[in-house]
Structures are given as structure tokens and as C-alpha cells.
Amino acid sequence: MNVLVVGSGGVGSAIAAIAERRSFFDHMALADRDGDRARRAVSGLEHRDRFSSLQLDASDPQAIVAAARETGADVIVNAADPRLNPQIFSAAFEARCTYLDMAMTLSEPHPERPYEEPGIKLGDRQFAEQERWQKAGLLALLGIGVEPGLSDIFARYAADHLFSTIDEIGVRDGANLVVEGYAFAPTFSIWTTIEECLNPPLIWERQRGWYTTEPFSEPELFDFPEGIGPVECVNVEHEEVVLVPREIDCRRVTFKYGLGEEFIDVLRKLHLLGLDSTDPVRVGEVDVAPRDLVAAVLPDPASLGERMSGKTCAGTFVTGIGTDGAERSVYLYHVADNEQTMREYGCQAVVWQTAINPVIALELLADGSWKATGVVGPEALDADVFLARMRSSGWDYGVSERSPASVV
């Protein structure tokens, strides 16, 4: 298997650092608009003989196709800004490559009722291509990071093994990470964080379908494991709410993120000042999108590992009727400790926890454990083999029985 990773920032470079220790691929090329960043990602590896780097403008589909052909890529992994998804997705099809991403094509709010119903949902543009990919015998695996990705696999596993009837599948993400020396330093792309947190949150219910609410709605206190403790979580827009109902029978799907009041306050102020806008404004002789400016002045999340401490938890909270006919509530989760990920891989916890999942997926596709065609999400594939591979890699996960009192 030859792999082209488009985007060599935090997640892209972490994919390389993790894959370096595994034998499923022959060659992995890291590409980035900033060629020096791609070269640094490769030069930081201990065993570089199966890696190369190149400069690539991912806004140009034909340039991506040319890079895929030049590197002999069988698979294109999209680790770039989600604004570039349409170009990378279409290029993968033209190059006849398997496609993986960790965030789907962006949504557009309903023009008249943004806080009541969705307009264009996350991934709608990609799922519209399902028949074309299916007929071509190609696979586009969407949302195979940690959230979405591992969270969807946890949902699949719960449906297959732990429940006879599912009421709610609720993804819950929380952390106790601290970044020394910064009053405000997001541990993941601020561009993406603004996008998912300030867009109308999406909820799915069997009787109602998809609908939206105000940002930061329905706050709840969720008790996270392994010493993280209670964190207030709120609704944000996320791919699982689109993906899970397509494949898993349940009554309700939600996604809530433990942001904290300070973080929410910053996001609200950015919105109030118009600094979340992606529409360019004229500044002197230059056109600049305010959100791009915010991203430029904040520290690169990939560079924060040495200043970070604490843990981050991603998981799926499932309620319903267990296989024994009794009510059941289970939280399936994975915790990443920043001290450990920095020591073992040189990657901060948030990007490392995201990157392990496409690496496992690539390995399962390479050895034939996963087979599919068309445009699919992780919940459509075998969860057992994924979780077994994850555990055998030393990246263990937890299954915690909960009571309704676990959520306030």
C-alpha cells in the first residue's frame, strides 16, 4: 500500500509518527502547502526510508491527482483543513484512490430557520456521490479520526454486543488539559473549533429527523473517567449526528463537548466581533478572512505538546435496554495522556488520539480485514476487528457501566 497524506500539520505528522512503527504500507508521502513543514515532519522520523515529502497546493484538484500518480498512491488520507475536502475528495476519485478523512464537507445553516432545522448538513456533498463511488468500486471512508471515527466504532460495538434496544447514542468529549504560558491556546485547529462550536448544533431523533438548536445548548455535567472528573458539556455541531443514524437503530443521537465557560466566552466574543467570519475583509492592500487572522495569531496546536499536561477523553455514552432485558447505560471511551503521547511519539495528546484511528483503518484495509465500496462512515464497518487491533497495539479503551446519575 502506498499512501499520500495531504496535510502535514499536527494530525498529518502524527499519522506518520504512528505509522512509522507498522509494516502495512510500502511508502507514505506527506504533502503540504508549506513544503518545509512536510519536510520537517519526515525529518523528525527515526526511520525515514519509507517516507517522502512534497509541496502541494491542496486547493488544486489536478495538483493532487498529479501528486497521487507521482507517488503511486493507492490511498489518499485527507489531514488538511476541511475547507479543502471537496477538492481532495474529487481528486481521490479521479486518481482512483481510496479516500479517508477525519472531518466531512462543511455544513451551511438554513437561510431562514438556522436554529430550528439544518440547511446543508456535514458530509451531504460527499454522500451525494455515493452511487458514483459505488459503481467505480472505490471506497471513501469518511470521519475516521477519533470524533468522528472511534466514537462511531464504539456506537457500532454497543449496538452489536451490549444492547437489544438503544435509546440514545451521545458522544461526550472532555479533558483536563492545561497549556502552560498561554491564557488561551486551543489544542486543536481553532478554525475547525470555531466552525463546529458556533454553527447551529445538530441533533437527530427518530420521530423528528435532524434538527438544530442554539450554540452551546442543553448543558449537562458529565463525569469523565481516569481522573478527569465532572465537566460541563454542551451541544455542538458534529459528524456523528449525521453518520450514526444512517446505520444504527436508536431513538436519539447527540454530540456534546466539554468546552468550559472561559472557552465558550472567548468563542462568543469572537462571534460578537465578527472574528469568526470566513468572508475576507480589506485591510490596507490585503484581503484577509478574520477567522484566518485568529488562527494565525494563536499558537500552532501541534507545537503545544511540551507545554501541555493532563488527559483528554473521547467516548460514546449509550443508553437503552441491554441484551438481558434490563435498562443499561454504558460509556465506551479512550483516554490519551499527554505525558505518555509526548514521551512515546513526540505528539501532543489531542492530535495523537485523532491520528491513531486512520492508521488502524489503513492497516485493516491493507490486510483485507475491512472491505467496502461507496461512501461510508466507520459505523458501517466491523467494530470488533478495529477494537481488537487497537487493543493489541497497546492503545486500550474502556467500557464503563453508568447510572443515570452519571449525567446531571
Protein backbone atom coordinates (compact mmCIF):
# COMPACT_ATOMS: atom_id res chain seq x y z
CA MET A 1 0.00 0.00 0.00
CA ASN A 2 1.26 3.47 -0.95
CA VAL A 3 -0.29 6.37 0.98
CA LEU A 4 -0.45 10.08 0.21
CA VAL A 5 -1.21 12.16 3.32
CA VAL A 6 -2.47 15.59 2.33
CA GLY A 7 -1.69 17.96 5.20
CA SER A 8 1.40 17.72 7.38
CA GLY A 9 0.28 19.69 10.42
CA GLY A 10 -0.45 18.18 13.80
CA VAL A 11 -2.56 15.23 12.68
CA GLY A 12 -0.71 14.56 9.43
CA SER A 13 2.68 14.46 11.13
CA ALA A 14 1.24 12.30 13.93
CA ILE A 15 -0.07 9.80 11.35
CA ALA A 16 3.49 9.46 10.05
CA ALA A 17 4.97 9.07 13.54
CA ILE A 18 2.49 6.31 14.39
CA ALA A 19 2.64 4.53 11.02
CA GLU A 20 6.44 4.53 11.10
CA ARG A 21 6.36 1.62 13.56
CA ARG A 22 3.98 -0.50 11.47
CA SER A 23 4.58 -2.64 8.40
CA PHE A 24 1.29 -2.45 6.46
CA PHE A 25 2.47 0.15 3.91
CA ASP A 26 5.31 0.36 1.40
CA HIS A 27 5.57 4.12 1.09
CA MET A 28 3.95 7.17 2.69
CA ALA A 29 4.29 10.64 1.17
CA LEU A 30 3.50 13.70 3.30
CA ALA A 31 2.29 16.72 1.34
CA ASP A 32 1.61 20.26 2.47
CA ARG A 33 1.17 23.72 1.00
CA ASP A 34 4.20 24.58 3.15
CA GLY A 35 6.81 22.22 1.72
CA ASP A 36 9.16 22.92 4.64
CA ARG A 37 6.54 21.71 7.11
CA ALA A 38 6.16 18.44 5.21
CA ARG A 39 9.96 18.03 5.14
CA ARG A 40 10.18 18.67 8.89
CA ALA A 41 7.52 16.04 9.55
CA VAL A 42 9.56 13.46 7.66
CA SER A 43 12.95 14.54 9.03
CA GLY A 44 11.63 14.10 12.57
CA LEU A 45 11.07 10.37 11.99
CA GLU A 46 13.64 7.84 13.15
CA HIS A 47 13.19 5.52 10.15
CA ARG A 48 12.66 7.65 7.08
CA ASP A 49 13.32 5.18 4.28
CA ARG A 50 9.60 4.57 3.56
CA PHE A 51 8.67 8.27 3.67
CA SER A 52 8.94 11.27 1.39
CA SER A 53 7.67 14.85 1.41
CA LEU A 54 6.41 17.24 -1.23
CA GLN A 55 4.94 20.69 -1.61
CA LEU A 56 1.29 20.58 -2.69
CA ASP A 57 -1.48 23.13 -3.13
CA ALA A 58 -4.49 21.11 -1.97
CA SER A 59 -6.90 23.71 -3.34
CA ASP A 60 -5.97 22.43 -6.82
CA PRO A 61 -7.54 19.01 -7.53
CA GLN A 62 -5.35 18.42 -10.57
CA ALA A 63 -2.23 19.02 -8.50
CA ILE A 64 -3.46 16.39 -6.03
CA VAL A 65 -4.12 13.92 -8.85
CA ALA A 66 -0.62 14.54 -10.19
CA ALA A 67 0.89 14.01 -6.72
CA ALA A 68 -1.06 10.77 -6.26
CA ARG A 69 0.23 9.47 -9.59
CA GLU A 70 3.79 10.64 -8.94
CA THR A 71 3.88 8.84 -5.59
CA GLY A 72 1.99 5.76 -6.82
CA ALA A 73 -0.65 6.31 -4.15
CA ASP A 74 -3.35 3.70 -3.58
CA VAL A 75 -4.85 5.76 -0.74
CA ILE A 76 -5.24 9.47 -0.09
CA VAL A 77 -5.61 10.48 3.55
CA ASN A 78 -7.08 13.95 3.95
CA ALA A 79 -5.44 15.54 7.01
CA ALA A 80 -6.00 19.08 5.74
CA ASP A 81 -8.35 21.91 6.59
CA PRO A 82 -11.97 20.74 5.96
CA ARG A 83 -12.45 23.65 3.56
CA LEU A 84 -10.32 21.62 1.17
CA ASN A 85 -12.43 18.46 1.40
CA PRO A 86 -14.26 18.93 -1.93
CA GLN A 87 -11.00 19.26 -3.86
CA ILE A 88 -9.25 16.34 -2.14
CA PHE A 89 -12.36 14.13 -2.32
CA SER A 90 -12.83 14.73 -6.05
CA ALA A 91 -9.11 14.28 -6.73
CA ALA A 92 -9.10 10.90 -4.97
CA PHE A 93 -11.92 9.74 -7.24
CA GLU A 94 -10.16 10.94 -10.39
CA ALA A 95 -6.91 9.27 -9.29
CA ARG A 96 -8.86 6.07 -8.48
CA CYS A 97 -7.60 6.10 -4.89
CA THR A 98 -9.25 5.01 -1.67
CA TYR A 99 -10.10 8.16 0.30
CA LEU A 100 -10.03 8.71 4.08
CA ASP A 101 -10.80 11.88 6.02
CA MET A 102 -11.32 12.86 9.64
CA ALA A 103 -13.81 15.67 9.09
CA MET A 104 -16.51 15.83 6.43
CA THR A 105 -17.52 18.56 3.97
CA LEU A 106 -18.78 21.64 5.76
CA SER A 107 -22.38 22.50 6.51
CA GLU A 108 -24.39 25.58 5.65
CA PRO A 109 -27.07 26.81 8.08
CA HIS A 110 -30.68 27.03 6.98
CA PRO A 111 -31.11 30.52 5.46
CA GLU A 112 -34.34 31.29 7.35
CA ARG A 113 -34.51 28.97 10.39
CA PRO A 114 -30.88 28.23 11.34
CA TYR A 115 -31.72 27.25 14.93
CA GLU A 116 -34.64 25.02 14.04
CA GLU A 117 -33.68 22.95 11.02
CA PRO A 118 -30.50 22.18 9.09
CA GLY A 119 -29.61 23.58 5.71
CA ILE A 120 -26.81 21.60 4.10
CA LYS A 121 -25.51 19.08 6.63
CA LEU A 122 -21.96 17.97 7.26
CA GLY A 123 -20.99 15.45 4.59
CA ASP A 124 -24.09 15.97 2.42
CA ARG A 125 -21.95 16.81 -0.60
CA GLN A 126 -19.90 13.64 -0.14
CA PHE A 127 -22.82 11.28 0.40
CA ALA A 128 -24.39 12.71 -2.76
CA GLU A 129 -21.54 10.94 -4.61
CA GLN A 130 -22.32 7.52 -3.10
CA GLU A 131 -23.61 5.93 -6.31
CA ARG A 132 -20.66 7.15 -8.36
CA TRP A 133 -18.09 5.77 -5.90
CA GLN A 134 -20.04 2.53 -5.57
CA LYS A 135 -20.21 1.96 -9.33
CA ALA A 136 -16.48 2.68 -9.64
CA GLY A 137 -15.69 0.10 -6.95
CA LEU A 138 -13.93 2.75 -4.87
CA LEU A 139 -14.12 3.44 -1.14
CA ALA A 140 -14.46 6.84 0.53
CA LEU A 141 -14.28 6.33 4.30
CA LEU A 142 -15.50 9.49 5.97
CA GLY A 143 -14.82 10.64 9.52
CA ILE A 144 -12.19 8.15 10.65
CA GLY A 145 -10.49 10.27 13.30
CA VAL A 146 -11.35 10.00 16.97
CA GLU A 147 -14.58 12.06 16.88
CA PRO A 148 -15.95 11.22 14.40
CA GLY A 149 -14.32 7.84 13.96
CA LEU A 150 -13.60 5.92 17.12
CA SER A 151 -16.81 7.33 18.62
CA ASP A 152 -18.79 5.79 15.74
CA ILE A 153 -16.99 2.46 16.16
CA PHE A 154 -17.92 2.47 19.85
CA ALA A 155 -21.56 3.05 18.82
CA ARG A 156 -21.37 0.12 16.37
CA TYR A 157 -19.87 -2.15 19.03
CA ALA A 158 -22.55 -1.21 21.58
CA ALA A 159 -25.34 -1.91 19.08
CA ASP A 160 -23.80 -5.26 18.11
CA HIS A 161 -22.94 -6.59 21.56
CA LEU A 162 -24.25 -4.59 24.51
CA PHE A 163 -27.85 -3.55 23.73
CA SER A 164 -31.03 -5.07 22.36
CA THR A 165 -32.68 -1.63 22.07
CA ILE A 166 -30.86 1.71 22.08
CA ASP A 167 -32.46 4.89 23.34
CA GLU A 168 -29.69 7.47 22.91
CA ILE A 169 -26.19 7.46 21.47
CA GLY A 170 -24.46 10.51 22.88
CA VAL A 171 -20.84 11.31 22.10
CA ARG A 172 -19.21 13.06 25.05
CA ASP A 173 -15.76 14.67 24.91
CA GLY A 174 -13.95 16.17 27.89
CA ALA A 175 -10.44 16.90 29.13
CA ASN A 176 -8.39 18.41 31.94
CA LEU A 177 -5.59 19.59 29.66
CA VAL A 178 -3.65 22.70 30.66
CA VAL A 179 -1.30 24.67 28.39
CA GLU A 180 1.36 26.46 30.40
CA GLY A 181 2.14 30.03 29.44
CA TYR A 182 -0.99 30.79 27.42
CA ALA A 183 -4.20 32.41 28.56
CA PHE A 184 -5.98 30.91 25.53
CA ALA A 185 -4.49 28.15 23.39
CA PRO A 186 -6.80 25.64 21.67
CA THR A 187 -5.32 22.16 21.45
CA PHE A 188 -6.91 21.55 18.04
CA SER A 189 -7.39 23.70 14.94
CA ILE A 190 -9.09 26.93 16.03
CA TRP A 191 -10.56 27.28 12.52
CA THR A 192 -12.35 23.93 12.89
CA THR A 193 -13.23 24.60 16.54
CA ILE A 194 -14.96 27.87 15.63
CA GLU A 195 -16.77 26.13 12.78
CA GLU A 196 -18.22 23.30 14.85
CA CYS A 197 -18.90 25.30 18.03
CA LEU A 198 -20.57 28.40 16.57
CA ASN A 199 -22.59 26.64 13.88
CA PRO A 200 -26.09 25.53 14.93
CA PRO A 201 -25.69 22.19 16.77
CA LEU A 202 -27.30 19.21 15.08
CA ILE A 203 -29.50 16.64 16.87
CA TRP A 204 -31.23 13.59 15.41
CA GLU A 205 -34.40 11.94 16.74
CA ARG A 206 -36.27 9.04 15.17
CA GLN A 207 -39.64 10.82 15.16
CA ARG A 208 -38.30 14.21 14.14
CA GLY A 209 -35.23 13.57 12.00
CA TRP A 210 -32.42 16.12 12.07
CA TYR A 211 -32.97 19.49 13.71
CA THR A 212 -30.82 22.28 15.12
CA THR A 213 -30.60 24.38 18.28
CA GLU A 214 -28.76 27.47 19.52
CA PRO A 215 -25.00 27.02 20.06
CA PHE A 216 -23.96 25.67 23.49
CA SER A 217 -27.47 24.39 24.24
CA GLU A 218 -28.58 21.69 26.71
CA PRO A 219 -25.65 21.91 29.16
CA GLU A 220 -25.02 18.81 31.25
CA LEU A 221 -22.38 17.78 33.76
CA PHE A 222 -20.69 14.58 32.60
CA ASP A 223 -18.28 12.63 34.82
CA PHE A 224 -15.25 11.62 32.73
CA PRO A 225 -13.03 8.69 33.78
CA GLU A 226 -9.38 8.30 34.77
CA GLY A 227 -9.20 11.34 37.00
CA ILE A 228 -10.61 13.92 34.58
CA GLY A 229 -13.84 14.20 36.58
CA PRO A 230 -17.04 16.21 36.01
CA VAL A 231 -17.01 18.60 33.03
CA GLU A 232 -19.91 20.67 31.72
CA CYS A 233 -20.71 19.60 28.15
CA VAL A 234 -22.85 21.42 25.60
CA ASN A 235 -24.26 20.66 22.17
CA VAL A 236 -22.01 21.42 19.21
CA GLU A 237 -22.26 20.51 15.54
CA HIS A 238 -20.52 17.22 14.78
CA GLU A 239 -20.41 14.47 12.18
CA GLU A 240 -21.54 11.59 14.38
CA VAL A 241 -25.05 13.02 14.46
CA VAL A 242 -25.12 12.67 10.66
CA LEU A 243 -23.33 9.33 10.45
CA VAL A 244 -24.71 7.16 13.24
CA PRO A 245 -28.44 7.26 12.34
CA ARG A 246 -27.62 6.10 8.83
CA GLU A 247 -26.53 2.69 10.13
CA ILE A 248 -27.60 2.18 13.75
CA ASP A 249 -31.16 1.86 15.04
CA CYS A 250 -31.71 4.19 18.01
CA ARG A 251 -34.08 6.89 19.20
CA ARG A 252 -31.71 9.85 19.52
CA VAL A 253 -28.14 10.92 18.64
CA THR A 254 -26.29 13.88 20.16
CA PHE A 255 -22.76 15.27 20.45
CA LYS A 256 -21.67 17.33 23.45
CA TYR A 257 -18.28 18.88 24.03
CA GLY A 258 -16.73 19.85 27.37
CA LEU A 259 -15.62 23.37 26.47
CA GLY A 260 -15.74 25.19 29.80
CA GLU A 261 -17.17 28.65 30.46
CA GLU A 262 -13.94 30.50 29.66
CA PHE A 263 -13.58 28.86 26.25
CA ILE A 264 -17.25 29.43 25.43
CA ASP A 265 -16.89 33.09 26.45
CA VAL A 266 -13.94 33.56 24.05
CA LEU A 267 -15.89 31.96 21.20
CA ARG A 268 -18.88 34.19 21.89
CA LYS A 269 -16.68 37.29 21.87
CA LEU A 270 -15.08 36.24 18.58
CA HIS A 271 -18.57 35.90 17.13
CA LEU A 272 -19.69 39.24 18.60
CA LEU A 273 -16.72 40.99 16.99
CA GLY A 274 -17.16 39.20 13.66
CA LEU A 275 -13.79 37.49 14.03
CA ASP A 276 -15.33 34.09 13.29
CA SER A 277 -16.21 35.18 9.76
CA THR A 278 -14.66 33.42 6.77
CA ASP A 279 -15.51 36.30 4.42
CA PRO A 280 -12.39 38.31 3.54
CA VAL A 281 -12.20 41.97 4.55
CA ARG A 282 -9.90 44.60 3.11
CA VAL A 283 -7.01 45.56 5.42
CA GLY A 284 -4.78 48.09 3.69
CA GLU A 285 -3.80 46.41 0.44
CA VAL A 286 -4.63 42.86 1.56
CA ASP A 287 -7.85 40.82 1.78
CA VAL A 288 -7.94 38.77 4.99
CA ALA A 289 -10.61 36.46 6.41
CA PRO A 290 -11.00 37.32 10.13
CA ARG A 291 -11.03 33.64 11.13
CA ASP A 292 -7.75 33.07 9.29
CA LEU A 293 -6.26 36.00 11.20
CA VAL A 294 -7.36 34.48 14.53
CA ALA A 295 -5.79 31.17 13.53
CA ALA A 296 -2.56 32.91 12.53
CA VAL A 297 -2.06 34.77 15.82
CA LEU A 298 -2.77 31.74 18.03
CA PRO A 299 -0.08 29.09 18.61
CA ASP A 300 0.05 26.07 16.30
CA PRO A 301 -1.69 23.25 18.25
CA ALA A 302 0.98 20.79 17.10
CA SER A 303 3.63 22.88 18.87
CA LEU A 304 1.97 22.86 22.29
CA GLY A 305 2.90 19.36 23.45
CA GLU A 306 5.84 20.38 25.63
CA ARG A 307 3.69 22.96 27.42
CA MET A 308 0.65 20.70 27.87
CA SER A 309 -0.27 18.49 30.78
CA GLY A 310 -3.30 16.37 31.56
CA LYS A 311 -5.57 13.97 29.73
CA THR A 312 -8.24 14.07 27.04
CA CYS A 313 -11.17 11.67 26.81
CA ALA A 314 -13.29 10.79 23.77
CA GLY A 315 -16.22 8.44 24.14
CA THR A 316 -19.75 7.35 23.38
CA PHE A 317 -22.47 7.20 26.05
CA VAL A 318 -25.17 4.69 25.14
CA THR A 319 -28.45 4.15 26.98
CA GLY A 320 -31.22 1.64 26.39
CA ILE A 321 -32.13 -1.96 27.09
CA GLY A 322 -29.28 -4.42 27.47
CA THR A 323 -29.16 -7.88 25.99
CA ASP A 324 -30.53 -9.23 29.30
CA GLY A 325 -33.70 -7.11 29.00
CA ALA A 326 -32.70 -4.68 31.78
CA GLU A 327 -32.07 -0.95 31.48
CA ARG A 328 -28.44 -0.20 30.79
CA SER A 329 -26.14 2.85 30.45
CA VAL A 330 -22.58 2.38 29.18
CA TYR A 331 -19.77 4.80 28.37
CA LEU A 332 -17.22 3.43 25.90
CA TYR A 333 -14.15 5.65 25.87
CA HIS A 334 -10.49 6.20 25.14
CA VAL A 335 -8.20 8.43 27.21
CA ALA A 336 -4.93 9.89 25.97
CA ASP A 337 -2.38 11.17 28.50
CA ASN A 338 -0.26 13.99 27.07
CA GLU A 339 2.83 12.99 29.05
CA GLN A 340 2.67 9.48 27.56
CA THR A 341 1.99 10.50 23.95
CA MET A 342 4.80 13.05 24.04
CA ARG A 343 7.22 10.56 25.56
CA GLU A 344 6.39 7.72 23.18
CA TYR A 345 5.60 9.55 19.92
CA GLY A 346 6.56 13.20 20.32
CA CYS A 347 2.92 14.19 19.62
CA GLN A 348 0.54 16.08 21.87
CA ALA A 349 -2.43 14.05 23.11
CA VAL A 350 -5.25 15.55 21.04
CA VAL A 351 -3.61 15.11 17.63
CA TRP A 352 -2.17 11.70 18.58
CA GLN A 353 -5.59 10.44 19.70
CA THR A 354 -7.03 11.57 16.36
CA ALA A 355 -4.21 10.06 14.28
CA ILE A 356 -4.19 6.52 15.65
CA ASN A 357 -7.58 5.82 14.06
CA PRO A 358 -6.79 6.42 10.38
CA VAL A 359 -3.59 4.41 10.90
CA ILE A 360 -5.57 1.43 12.21
CA ALA A 361 -8.10 1.87 9.38
CA LEU A 362 -5.33 1.87 6.77
CA GLU A 363 -3.90 -1.29 8.28
CA LEU A 364 -7.29 -3.05 8.24
CA LEU A 365 -7.86 -2.04 4.63
CA ALA A 366 -4.36 -3.18 3.67
CA ASP A 367 -4.78 -6.68 5.13
CA GLY A 368 -8.38 -7.09 3.95
CA SER A 369 -9.98 -7.06 7.42
CA TRP A 370 -12.10 -4.13 6.25
CA LYS A 371 -13.66 -4.22 2.78
CA ALA A 372 -16.20 -1.80 1.39
CA THR A 373 -17.06 0.35 -1.61
CA GLY A 374 -19.01 3.57 -1.87
CA VAL A 375 -19.15 6.47 0.57
CA VAL A 376 -19.41 5.15 4.14
CA GLY A 377 -18.71 6.08 7.75
CA PRO A 378 -16.89 3.97 10.34
CA GLU A 379 -20.14 2.75 11.93
CA ALA A 380 -20.83 0.81 8.70
CA LEU A 381 -17.76 -1.39 9.23
CA ASP A 382 -16.72 -4.17 11.63
CA ALA A 383 -16.09 -2.65 15.06
CA ASP A 384 -14.76 -5.87 16.59
CA VAL A 385 -11.70 -6.12 14.39
CA PHE A 386 -10.91 -2.42 14.80
CA LEU A 387 -11.09 -2.52 18.60
CA ALA A 388 -9.10 -5.75 18.72
CA ARG A 389 -6.35 -4.14 16.61
CA MET A 390 -6.45 -1.06 18.79
CA ARG A 391 -6.05 -3.09 21.97
CA SER A 392 -3.28 -5.27 20.52
CA SER A 393 -1.42 -2.06 19.65
CA GLY A 394 -1.39 -1.09 23.32
CA TRP A 395 -3.97 1.65 22.86
CA ASP A 396 -6.55 0.32 25.26
CA TYR A 397 -10.11 1.59 25.63
CA GLY A 398 -12.60 1.41 28.48
CA VAL A 399 -16.20 0.27 28.89
CA SER A 400 -17.80 1.82 31.97
CA GLU A 401 -21.22 0.87 33.29
CA ARG A 402 -23.03 4.03 34.30
CA SER A 403 -26.20 5.02 36.07
CA PRO A 404 -28.43 7.95 35.08
CA ALA A 405 -26.81 9.85 37.98
CA SER A 406 -23.58 9.97 35.95
CA VAL A 407 -25.12 12.74 33.90
CA VAL A 408 -26.68 15.77 35.55
